[in-house]
Amino acid sequence: MDEKLIQRVLEIEKEAQTIHETALAESLALPVQAEKEADALISQARSEAEEEAKQMVASAEAKEECAQILADAEQKIHHAELLGTANFDRAVSYVLTRVIGRE
């Protein structure tokens, strides 16, 4: 009877270790995934802003209007980069909270 109980405890410990290792692996993968998604968002926003800027420049007649359009596009790119960075920072904080909370 005692041997069965010891065997069951060892099985439970092994299961707990497996669960812990899986959670740790997932938590390590989250920052990488978040960074890839942030990079994709930044790249997409940059492409859209550049395309929009090209279209605006093509339709603009005065140099002053062109300068304003380019400034707006750069501001949109900067804003998109800030959003991507903020999302990445939130993802890293989330992962750290999960890792610290489980250990």
PDB file of N, CA and C in Angstrom:
ATOM      1  N   MET A   1       0.820  -1.189   0.000  1.00  0.00           N
ATOM      2  CA  MET A   1       0.000   0.000   0.000  1.00  0.00           C
ATOM      3  C   MET A   1       0.865   1.253   0.000  1.00  0.00           C
ATOM      4  N   ASP A   2       1.876   1.312   0.827  1.00  0.00           N
ATOM      5  CA  ASP A   2       2.757   2.472   0.892  1.00  0.00           C
ATOM      6  C   ASP A   2       3.529   2.656  -0.412  1.00  0.00           C
ATOM      7  N   GLU A   3       3.899   1.547  -1.012  1.00  0.00           N
ATOM      8  CA  GLU A   3       4.648   1.639  -2.264  1.00  0.00           C
ATOM      9  C   GLU A   3       3.786   2.243  -3.376  1.00  0.00           C
ATOM     10  N   LYS A   4       2.503   1.895  -3.414  1.00  0.00           N
ATOM     11  CA  LYS A   4       1.587   2.473  -4.399  1.00  0.00           C
ATOM     12  C   LYS A   4       1.428   3.975  -4.171  1.00  0.00           C
ATOM     13  N   LEU A   5       1.354   4.356  -2.928  1.00  0.00           N
ATOM     14  CA  LEU A   5       1.212   5.768  -2.588  1.00  0.00           C
ATOM     15  C   LEU A   5       2.463   6.550  -3.000  1.00  0.00           C
ATOM     16  N   ILE A   6       3.614   5.990  -2.741  1.00  0.00           N
ATOM     17  CA  ILE A   6       4.872   6.633  -3.135  1.00  0.00           C
ATOM     18  C   ILE A   6       4.951   6.734  -4.648  1.00  0.00           C
ATOM     19  N   GLN A   7       4.560   5.676  -5.330  1.00  0.00           N
ATOM     20  CA  GLN A   7       4.576   5.677  -6.794  1.00  0.00           C
ATOM     21  C   GLN A   7       3.639   6.762  -7.338  1.00  0.00           C
ATOM     22  N   ARG A   8       2.467   6.908  -6.730  1.00  0.00           N
ATOM     23  CA  ARG A   8       1.496   7.925  -7.176  1.00  0.00           C
ATOM     24  C   ARG A   8       2.055   9.335  -6.941  1.00  0.00           C
ATOM     25  N   VAL A   9       2.698   9.548  -5.811  1.00  0.00           N
ATOM     26  CA  VAL A   9       3.302  10.846  -5.516  1.00  0.00           C
ATOM     27  C   VAL A   9       4.380  11.163  -6.559  1.00  0.00           C
ATOM     28  N   LEU A  10       5.188  10.183  -6.896  1.00  0.00           N
ATOM     29  CA  LEU A  10       6.227  10.382  -7.907  1.00  0.00           C
ATOM     30  C   LEU A  10       5.615  10.712  -9.267  1.00  0.00           C
ATOM     31  N   GLU A  11       4.511  10.070  -9.615  1.00  0.00           N
ATOM     32  CA  GLU A  11       3.824  10.359 -10.873  1.00  0.00           C
ATOM     33  C   GLU A  11       3.288  11.794 -10.881  1.00  0.00           C
ATOM     34  N   ILE A  12       2.708  12.196  -9.759  1.00  0.00           N
ATOM     35  CA  ILE A  12       2.164  13.552  -9.654  1.00  0.00           C
ATOM     36  C   ILE A  12       3.290  14.580  -9.773  1.00  0.00           C
ATOM     37  N   GLU A  13       4.404  14.320  -9.130  1.00  0.00           N
ATOM     38  CA  GLU A  13       5.551  15.225  -9.219  1.00  0.00           C
ATOM     39  C   GLU A  13       6.059  15.319 -10.664  1.00  0.00           C
ATOM     40  N   LYS A  14       6.084  14.194 -11.348  1.00  0.00           N
ATOM     41  CA  LYS A  14       6.529  14.185 -12.743  1.00  0.00           C
ATOM     42  C   LYS A  14       5.564  14.995 -13.616  1.00  0.00           C
ATOM     43  N   GLU A  15       4.264  14.838 -13.385  1.00  0.00           N
ATOM     44  CA  GLU A  15       3.264  15.605 -14.127  1.00  0.00           C
ATOM     45  C   GLU A  15       3.421  17.094 -13.844  1.00  0.00           C
ATOM     46  N   ALA A  16       3.640  17.441 -12.593  1.00  0.00           N
ATOM     47  CA  ALA A  16       3.824  18.845 -12.225  1.00  0.00           C
ATOM     48  C   ALA A  16       5.062  19.421 -12.913  1.00  0.00           C
ATOM     49  N   GLN A  17       6.128  18.656 -12.970  1.00  0.00           N
ATOM     50  CA  GLN A  17       7.347  19.112 -13.635  1.00  0.00           C
ATOM     51  C   GLN A  17       7.094  19.324 -15.125  1.00  0.00           C
ATOM     52  N   THR A  18       6.364  18.434 -15.749  1.00  0.00           N
ATOM     53  CA  THR A  18       6.036  18.561 -17.164  1.00  0.00           C
ATOM     54  C   THR A  18       5.203  19.821 -17.415  1.00  0.00           C
ATOM     55  N   ILE A  19       4.222  20.055 -16.563  1.00  0.00           N
ATOM     56  CA  ILE A  19       3.375  21.243 -16.691  1.00  0.00           C
ATOM     57  C   ILE A  19       4.224  22.504 -16.527  1.00  0.00           C
ATOM     58  N   HIS A  20       5.110  22.487 -15.560  1.00  0.00           N
ATOM     59  CA  HIS A  20       5.980  23.640 -15.314  1.00  0.00           C
ATOM     60  C   HIS A  20       6.885  23.897 -16.519  1.00  0.00           C
ATOM     61  N   GLU A  21       7.483  22.864 -17.071  1.00  0.00           N
ATOM     62  CA  GLU A  21       8.369  23.019 -18.227  1.00  0.00           C
ATOM     63  C   GLU A  21       7.605  23.543 -19.441  1.00  0.00           C
ATOM     64  N   THR A  22       6.391  23.062 -19.640  1.00  0.00           N
ATOM     65  CA  THR A  22       5.563  23.528 -20.755  1.00  0.00           C
ATOM     66  C   THR A  22       5.222  25.004 -20.584  1.00  0.00           C
ATOM     67  N   ALA A  23       4.819  25.382 -19.382  1.00  0.00           N
ATOM     68  CA  ALA A  23       4.484  26.787 -19.121  1.00  0.00           C
ATOM     69  C   ALA A  23       5.700  27.679 -19.304  1.00  0.00           C
ATOM     70  N   LEU A  24       6.845  27.215 -18.861  1.00  0.00           N
ATOM     71  CA  LEU A  24       8.073  28.000 -19.015  1.00  0.00           C
ATOM     72  C   LEU A  24       8.423  28.176 -20.492  1.00  0.00           C
ATOM     73  N   ALA A  25       8.305  27.109 -21.260  1.00  0.00           N
ATOM     74  CA  ALA A  25       8.597  27.190 -22.696  1.00  0.00           C
ATOM     75  C   ALA A  25       7.640  28.165 -23.391  1.00  0.00           C
ATOM     76  N   GLU A  26       6.368  28.109 -23.018  1.00  0.00           N
ATOM     77  CA  GLU A  26       5.394  29.027 -23.607  1.00  0.00           C
ATOM     78  C   GLU A  26       5.709  30.465 -23.217  1.00  0.00           C
ATOM     79  N   SER A  27       6.085  30.671 -21.981  1.00  0.00           N
ATOM     80  CA  SER A  27       6.373  32.039 -21.533  1.00  0.00           C
ATOM     81  C   SER A  27       7.620  32.594 -22.213  1.00  0.00           C
ATOM     82  N   LEU A  28       8.564  31.746 -22.555  1.00  0.00           N
ATOM     83  CA  LEU A  28       9.758  32.200 -23.264  1.00  0.00           C
ATOM     84  C   LEU A  28       9.453  32.519 -24.724  1.00  0.00           C
ATOM     85  N   ALA A  29       8.454  31.850 -25.279  1.00  0.00           N
ATOM     86  CA  ALA A  29       8.093  32.071 -26.683  1.00  0.00           C
ATOM     87  C   ALA A  29       7.254  33.337 -26.863  1.00  0.00           C
ATOM     88  N   LEU A  30       6.556  33.769 -25.833  1.00  0.00           N
ATOM     89  CA  LEU A  30       5.670  34.925 -25.962  1.00  0.00           C
ATOM     90  C   LEU A  30       6.396  36.216 -26.351  1.00  0.00           C
ATOM     91  N   PRO A  31       7.536  36.569 -25.755  1.00  0.00           N
ATOM     92  CA  PRO A  31       8.201  37.803 -26.177  1.00  0.00           C
ATOM     93  C   PRO A  31       8.635  37.768 -27.636  1.00  0.00           C
ATOM     94  N   VAL A  32       9.087  36.616 -28.094  1.00  0.00           N
ATOM     95  CA  VAL A  32       9.514  36.485 -29.487  1.00  0.00           C
ATOM     96  C   VAL A  32       8.315  36.701 -30.409  1.00  0.00           C
ATOM     97  N   GLN A  33       7.213  36.071 -30.059  1.00  0.00           N
ATOM     98  CA  GLN A  33       5.997  36.223 -30.856  1.00  0.00           C
ATOM     99  C   GLN A  33       5.512  37.675 -30.821  1.00  0.00           C
ATOM    100  N   ALA A  34       5.551  38.283 -29.651  1.00  0.00           N
ATOM    101  CA  ALA A  34       5.109  39.673 -29.521  1.00  0.00           C
ATOM    102  C   ALA A  34       5.987  40.607 -30.347  1.00  0.00           C
ATOM    103  N   GLU A  35       7.294  40.354 -30.343  1.00  0.00           N
ATOM    104  CA  GLU A  35       8.201  41.194 -31.121  1.00  0.00           C
ATOM    105  C   GLU A  35       7.936  41.039 -32.617  1.00  0.00           C
ATOM    106  N   LYS A  36       7.692  39.821 -33.069  1.00  0.00           N
ATOM    107  CA  LYS A  36       7.384  39.602 -34.484  1.00  0.00           C
ATOM    108  C   LYS A  36       6.096  40.323 -34.876  1.00  0.00           C
ATOM    109  N   GLU A  37       5.074  40.230 -34.001  1.00  0.00           N
ATOM    110  CA  GLU A  37       3.809  40.890 -34.298  1.00  0.00           C
ATOM    111  C   GLU A  37       3.974  42.408 -34.287  1.00  0.00           C
ATOM    112  N   ALA A  38       4.744  42.923 -33.346  1.00  0.00           N
ATOM    113  CA  ALA A  38       4.990  44.368 -33.287  1.00  0.00           C
ATOM    114  C   ALA A  38       5.737  44.824 -34.542  1.00  0.00           C
ATOM    115  N   ASP A  39       6.742  44.056 -34.959  1.00  0.00           N
ATOM    116  CA  ASP A  39       7.485  44.393 -36.178  1.00  0.00           C
ATOM    117  C   ASP A  39       6.570  44.375 -37.400  1.00  0.00           C
ATOM    118  N   ALA A  40       5.679  43.390 -37.455  1.00  0.00           N
ATOM    119  CA  ALA A  40       4.750  43.304 -38.586  1.00  0.00           C
ATOM    120  C   ALA A  40       3.801  44.498 -38.592  1.00  0.00           C
ATOM    121  N   LEU A  41       3.313  44.889 -37.413  1.00  0.00           N
ATOM    122  CA  LEU A  41       2.426  46.049 -37.329  1.00  0.00           C
ATOM    123  C   LEU A  41       3.150  47.325 -37.751  1.00  0.00           C
ATOM    124  N   ILE A  42       4.372  47.477 -37.290  1.00  0.00           N
ATOM    125  CA  ILE A  42       5.156  48.655 -37.650  1.00  0.00           C
ATOM    126  C   ILE A  42       5.410  48.676 -39.154  1.00  0.00           C
ATOM    127  N   SER A  43       5.780  47.548 -39.704  1.00  0.00           N
ATOM    128  CA  SER A  43       6.050  47.456 -41.132  1.00  0.00           C
ATOM    129  C   SER A  43       4.797  47.763 -41.950  1.00  0.00           C
ATOM    130  N   GLN A  44       3.678  47.208 -41.531  1.00  0.00           N
ATOM    131  CA  GLN A  44       2.425  47.457 -42.238  1.00  0.00           C
ATOM    132  C   GLN A  44       2.035  48.929 -42.143  1.00  0.00           C
ATOM    133  N   ALA A  45       2.138  49.491 -40.952  1.00  0.00           N
ATOM    134  CA  ALA A  45       1.790  50.903 -40.778  1.00  0.00           C
ATOM    135  C   ALA A  45       2.714  51.796 -41.598  1.00  0.00           C
ATOM    136  N   ARG A  46       3.996  51.450 -41.623  1.00  0.00           N
ATOM    137  CA  ARG A  46       4.955  52.222 -42.406  1.00  0.00           C
ATOM    138  C   ARG A  46       4.610  52.151 -43.894  1.00  0.00           C
ATOM    139  N   SER A  47       4.308  50.959 -44.381  1.00  0.00           N
ATOM    140  CA  SER A  47       3.956  50.801 -45.794  1.00  0.00           C
ATOM    141  C   SER A  47       2.700  51.589 -46.143  1.00  0.00           C
ATOM    142  N   GLU A  48       1.700  51.489 -45.273  1.00  0.00           N
ATOM    143  CA  GLU A  48       0.452  52.220 -45.524  1.00  0.00           C
ATOM    144  C   GLU A  48       0.689  53.726 -45.497  1.00  0.00           C
ATOM    145  N   ALA A  49       1.474  54.180 -44.531  1.00  0.00           N
ATOM    146  CA  ALA A  49       1.754  55.616 -44.436  1.00  0.00           C
ATOM    147  C   ALA A  49       2.553  56.095 -45.642  1.00  0.00           C
ATOM    148  N   GLU A  50       3.529  55.297 -46.066  1.00  0.00           N
ATOM    149  CA  GLU A  50       4.320  55.673 -47.234  1.00  0.00           C
ATOM    150  C   GLU A  50       3.455  55.705 -48.491  1.00  0.00           C
ATOM    151  N   GLU A  51       2.581  54.727 -48.640  1.00  0.00           N
ATOM    152  CA  GLU A  51       1.689  54.701 -49.798  1.00  0.00           C
ATOM    153  C   GLU A  51       0.749  55.899 -49.785  1.00  0.00           C
ATOM    154  N   GLU A  52       0.206  56.176 -48.609  1.00  0.00           N
ATOM    155  CA  GLU A  52      -0.677  57.329 -48.481  1.00  0.00           C
ATOM    156  C   GLU A  52       0.090  58.620 -48.776  1.00  0.00           C
ATOM    157  N   ALA A  53       1.309  58.692 -48.297  1.00  0.00           N
ATOM    158  CA  ALA A  53       2.130  59.875 -48.557  1.00  0.00           C
ATOM    159  C   ALA A  53       2.423  60.019 -50.049  1.00  0.00           C
ATOM    160  N   LYS A  54       2.721  58.905 -50.708  1.00  0.00           N
ATOM    161  CA  LYS A  54       2.974  58.959 -52.150  1.00  0.00           C
ATOM    162  C   LYS A  54       1.754  59.472 -52.903  1.00  0.00           C
ATOM    163  N   GLN A  55       0.582  58.961 -52.509  1.00  0.00           N
ATOM    164  CA  GLN A  55      -0.649  59.397 -53.177  1.00  0.00           C
ATOM    165  C   GLN A  55      -0.914  60.877 -52.921  1.00  0.00           C
ATOM    166  N   MET A  56      -0.668  61.313 -51.714  1.00  0.00           N
ATOM    167  CA  MET A  56      -0.896  62.718 -51.380  1.00  0.00           C
ATOM    168  C   MET A  56       0.102  63.616 -52.120  1.00  0.00           C
ATOM    169  N   VAL A  57       1.346  63.173 -52.182  1.00  0.00           N
ATOM    170  CA  VAL A  57       2.374  63.954 -52.880  1.00  0.00           C
ATOM    171  C   VAL A  57       2.038  64.054 -54.361  1.00  0.00           C
ATOM    172  N   ALA A  58       1.571  62.956 -54.939  1.00  0.00           N
ATOM    173  CA  ALA A  58       1.235  62.971 -56.366  1.00  0.00           C
ATOM    174  C   ALA A  58       0.113  63.949 -56.668  1.00  0.00           C
ATOM    175  N   SER A  59      -0.801  64.111 -55.746  1.00  0.00           N
ATOM    176  CA  SER A  59      -1.929  65.002 -55.995  1.00  0.00           C
ATOM    177  C   SER A  59      -1.664  66.440 -55.525  1.00  0.00           C
ATOM    178  N   ALA A  60      -0.611  66.640 -54.782  1.00  0.00           N
ATOM    179  CA  ALA A  60      -0.310  67.984 -54.272  1.00  0.00           C
ATOM    180  C   ALA A  60       0.309  68.843 -55.368  1.00  0.00           C
ATOM    181  N   GLU A  61       0.019  70.162 -55.340  1.00  0.00           N
ATOM    182  CA  GLU A  61       0.559  71.059 -56.361  1.00  0.00           C
ATOM    183  C   GLU A  61       1.657  71.956 -55.800  1.00  0.00           C
ATOM    184  N   ALA A  62       1.539  72.378 -54.591  1.00  0.00           N
ATOM    185  CA  ALA A  62       2.500  73.332 -54.053  1.00  0.00           C
ATOM    186  C   ALA A  62       3.532  72.618 -53.187  1.00  0.00           C
ATOM    187  N   LYS A  63       4.750  73.189 -53.146  1.00  0.00           N
ATOM    188  CA  LYS A  63       5.805  72.608 -52.319  1.00  0.00           C
ATOM    189  C   LYS A  63       5.421  72.602 -50.847  1.00  0.00           C
ATOM    190  N   GLU A  64       4.717  73.615 -50.413  1.00  0.00           N
ATOM    191  CA  GLU A  64       4.312  73.700 -49.022  1.00  0.00           C
ATOM    192  C   GLU A  64       3.367  72.557 -48.655  1.00  0.00           C
ATOM    193  N   GLU A  65       2.456  72.245 -49.556  1.00  0.00           N
ATOM    194  CA  GLU A  65       1.535  71.130 -49.326  1.00  0.00           C
ATOM    195  C   GLU A  65       2.299  69.808 -49.267  1.00  0.00           C
ATOM    196  N   CYS A  66       3.293  69.655 -50.119  1.00  0.00           N
ATOM    197  CA  CYS A  66       4.108  68.426 -50.115  1.00  0.00           C
ATOM    198  C   CYS A  66       4.836  68.257 -48.789  1.00  0.00           C
ATOM    199  N   ALA A  67       5.402  69.350 -48.302  1.00  0.00           N
ATOM    200  CA  ALA A  67       6.127  69.287 -47.033  1.00  0.00           C
ATOM    201  C   ALA A  67       5.186  68.890 -45.892  1.00  0.00           C
ATOM    202  N   GLN A  68       3.977  69.421 -45.898  1.00  0.00           N
ATOM    203  CA  GLN A  68       3.002  69.097 -44.859  1.00  0.00           C
ATOM    204  C   GLN A  68       2.578  67.626 -44.936  1.00  0.00           C
ATOM    205  N   ILE A  69       2.393  67.153 -46.147  1.00  0.00           N
ATOM    206  CA  ILE A  69       2.003  65.756 -46.345  1.00  0.00           C
ATOM    207  C   ILE A  69       3.093  64.820 -45.830  1.00  0.00           C
ATOM    208  N   LEU A  70       4.330  65.112 -46.158  1.00  0.00           N
ATOM    209  CA  LEU A  70       5.436  64.280 -45.686  1.00  0.00           C
ATOM    210  C   LEU A  70       5.552  64.315 -44.164  1.00  0.00           C
ATOM    211  N   ALA A  71       5.350  65.497 -43.585  1.00  0.00           N
ATOM    212  CA  ALA A  71       5.405  65.606 -42.124  1.00  0.00           C
ATOM    213  C   ALA A  71       4.300  64.782 -41.483  1.00  0.00           C
ATOM    214  N   ASP A  72       3.109  64.819 -42.068  1.00  0.00           N
ATOM    215  CA  ASP A  72       2.001  64.010 -41.546  1.00  0.00           C
ATOM    216  C   ASP A  72       2.308  62.524 -41.637  1.00  0.00           C
ATOM    217  N   ALA A  73       2.886  62.112 -42.756  1.00  0.00           N
ATOM    218  CA  ALA A  73       3.228  60.699 -42.927  1.00  0.00           C
ATOM    219  C   ALA A  73       4.274  60.270 -41.908  1.00  0.00           C
ATOM    220  N   GLU A  74       5.271  61.099 -41.692  1.00  0.00           N
ATOM    221  CA  GLU A  74       6.299  60.774 -40.702  1.00  0.00           C
ATOM    222  C   GLU A  74       5.702  60.703 -39.302  1.00  0.00           C
ATOM    223  N   GLN A  75       4.758  61.586 -39.022  1.00  0.00           N
ATOM    224  CA  GLN A  75       4.100  61.556 -37.715  1.00  0.00           C
ATOM    225  C   GLN A  75       3.304  60.262 -37.556  1.00  0.00           C
ATOM    226  N   LYS A  76       2.622  59.833 -38.605  1.00  0.00           N
ATOM    227  CA  LYS A  76       1.869  58.577 -38.547  1.00  0.00           C
ATOM    228  C   LYS A  76       2.809  57.387 -38.353  1.00  0.00           C
ATOM    229  N   ILE A  77       3.937  57.402 -39.032  1.00  0.00           N
ATOM    230  CA  ILE A  77       4.924  56.326 -38.872  1.00  0.00           C
ATOM    231  C   ILE A  77       5.429  56.309 -37.439  1.00  0.00           C
ATOM    232  N   HIS A  78       5.759  57.462 -36.922  1.00  0.00           N
ATOM    233  CA  HIS A  78       6.247  57.561 -35.538  1.00  0.00           C
ATOM    234  C   HIS A  78       5.188  57.065 -34.565  1.00  0.00           C
ATOM    235  N   HIS A  79       3.942  57.445 -34.804  1.00  0.00           N
ATOM    236  CA  HIS A  79       2.845  56.996 -33.942  1.00  0.00           C
ATOM    237  C   HIS A  79       2.693  55.471 -34.000  1.00  0.00           C
ATOM    238  N   ALA A  80       2.786  54.910 -35.182  1.00  0.00           N
ATOM    239  CA  ALA A  80       2.677  53.452 -35.333  1.00  0.00           C
ATOM    240  C   ALA A  80       3.826  52.746 -34.623  1.00  0.00           C
ATOM    241  N   GLU A  81       5.023  53.311 -34.710  1.00  0.00           N
ATOM    242  CA  GLU A  81       6.174  52.719 -34.025  1.00  0.00           C
ATOM    243  C   GLU A  81       5.984  52.772 -32.513  1.00  0.00           C
ATOM    244  N   LEU A  82       5.444  53.866 -32.012  1.00  0.00           N
ATOM    245  CA  LEU A  82       5.176  53.981 -30.576  1.00  0.00           C
ATOM    246  C   LEU A  82       4.151  52.944 -30.127  1.00  0.00           C
ATOM    247  N   LEU A  83       3.118  52.753 -30.945  1.00  0.00           N
ATOM    248  CA  LEU A  83       2.109  51.747 -30.611  1.00  0.00           C
ATOM    249  C   LEU A  83       2.717  50.346 -30.596  1.00  0.00           C
ATOM    250  N   GLY A  84       3.561  50.058 -31.577  1.00  0.00           N
ATOM    251  CA  GLY A  84       4.214  48.748 -31.632  1.00  0.00           C
ATOM    252  C   GLY A  84       5.111  48.534 -30.432  1.00  0.00           C
ATOM    253  N   THR A  85       5.843  49.552 -30.046  1.00  0.00           N
ATOM    254  CA  THR A  85       6.725  49.450 -28.880  1.00  0.00           C
ATOM    255  C   THR A  85       5.907  49.240 -27.609  1.00  0.00           C
ATOM    256  N   ALA A  86       4.810  49.984 -27.488  1.00  0.00           N
ATOM    257  CA  ALA A  86       3.957  49.838 -26.299  1.00  0.00           C
ATOM    258  C   ALA A  86       3.393  48.428 -26.226  1.00  0.00           C
ATOM    259  N   ASN A  87       2.952  47.879 -27.361  1.00  0.00           N
ATOM    260  CA  ASN A  87       2.419  46.508 -27.359  1.00  0.00           C
ATOM    261  C   ASN A  87       3.501  45.514 -26.984  1.00  0.00           C
ATOM    262  N   PHE A  88       4.698  45.737 -27.459  1.00  0.00           N
ATOM    263  CA  PHE A  88       5.797  44.835 -27.113  1.00  0.00           C
ATOM    264  C   PHE A  88       6.096  44.913 -25.620  1.00  0.00           C
ATOM    265  N   ASP A  89       6.141  46.128 -25.079  1.00  0.00           N
ATOM    266  CA  ASP A  89       6.404  46.292 -23.649  1.00  0.00           C
ATOM    267  C   ASP A  89       5.321  45.613 -22.813  1.00  0.00           C
ATOM    268  N   ARG A  90       4.062  45.739 -23.228  1.00  0.00           N
ATOM    269  CA  ARG A  90       2.973  45.076 -22.500  1.00  0.00           C
ATOM    270  C   ARG A  90       3.127  43.564 -22.570  1.00  0.00           C
ATOM    271  N   ALA A  91       3.532  43.032 -23.717  1.00  0.00           N
ATOM    272  CA  ALA A  91       3.702  41.584 -23.862  1.00  0.00           C
ATOM    273  C   ALA A  91       4.828  41.086 -22.966  1.00  0.00           C
ATOM    274  N   VAL A  92       5.915  41.817 -22.906  1.00  0.00           N
ATOM    275  CA  VAL A  92       7.036  41.418 -22.050  1.00  0.00           C
ATOM    276  C   VAL A  92       6.610  41.455 -20.590  1.00  0.00           C
ATOM    277  N   SER A  93       5.884  42.486 -20.187  1.00  0.00           N
ATOM    278  CA  SER A  93       5.403  42.581 -18.809  1.00  0.00           C
ATOM    279  C   SER A  93       4.483  41.412 -18.487  1.00  0.00           C
ATOM    280  N   TYR A  94       3.624  41.058 -19.432  1.00  0.00           N
ATOM    281  CA  TYR A  94       2.703  39.945 -19.227  1.00  0.00           C
ATOM    282  C   TYR A  94       3.471  38.641 -19.022  1.00  0.00           C
ATOM    283  N   VAL A  95       4.469  38.409 -19.856  1.00  0.00           N
ATOM    284  CA  VAL A  95       5.254  37.180 -19.748  1.00  0.00           C
ATOM    285  C   VAL A  95       5.993  37.145 -18.419  1.00  0.00           C
ATOM    286  N   LEU A  96       6.604  38.241 -18.055  1.00  0.00           N
ATOM    287  CA  LEU A  96       7.340  38.282 -16.786  1.00  0.00           C
ATOM    288  C   LEU A  96       6.403  38.044 -15.605  1.00  0.00           C
ATOM    289  N   THR A  97       5.226  38.607 -15.663  1.00  0.00           N
ATOM    290  CA  THR A  97       4.256  38.406 -14.594  1.00  0.00           C
ATOM    291  C   THR A  97       3.863  36.943 -14.502  1.00  0.00           C
ATOM    292  N   ARG A  98       3.667  36.305 -15.648  1.00  0.00           N
ATOM    293  CA  ARG A  98       3.282  34.886 -15.641  1.00  0.00           C
ATOM    294  C   ARG A  98       4.402  34.013 -15.123  1.00  0.00           C
ATOM    295  N   VAL A  99       5.631  34.296 -15.557  1.00  0.00           N
ATOM    296  CA  VAL A  99       6.766  33.482 -15.120  1.00  0.00           C
ATOM    297  C   VAL A  99       6.992  33.662 -13.633  1.00  0.00           C
ATOM    298  N   ILE A 100       6.993  34.876 -13.152  1.00  0.00           N
ATOM    299  CA  ILE A 100       7.221  35.140 -11.732  1.00  0.00           C
ATOM    300  C   ILE A 100       6.074  34.569 -10.903  1.00  0.00           C
ATOM    301  N   GLY A 101       4.878  34.676 -11.387  1.00  0.00           N
ATOM    302  CA  GLY A 101       3.708  34.196 -10.654  1.00  0.00           C
ATOM    303  C   GLY A 101       3.667  32.684 -10.526  1.00  0.00           C
ATOM    304  N   ARG A 102       4.244  31.968 -11.455  1.00  0.00           N
ATOM    305  CA  ARG A 102       4.169  30.502 -11.439  1.00  0.00           C
ATOM    306  C   ARG A 102       5.327  29.861 -10.694  1.00  0.00           C
ATOM    307  N   GLU A 103       6.391  30.610 -10.498  1.00  0.00           N
ATOM    308  CA  GLU A 103       7.552  30.002  -9.846  1.00  0.00           C
ATOM    309  C   GLU A 103       7.534  30.268  -8.372  1.00  0.00           C
TER     310      GLU A 103
END
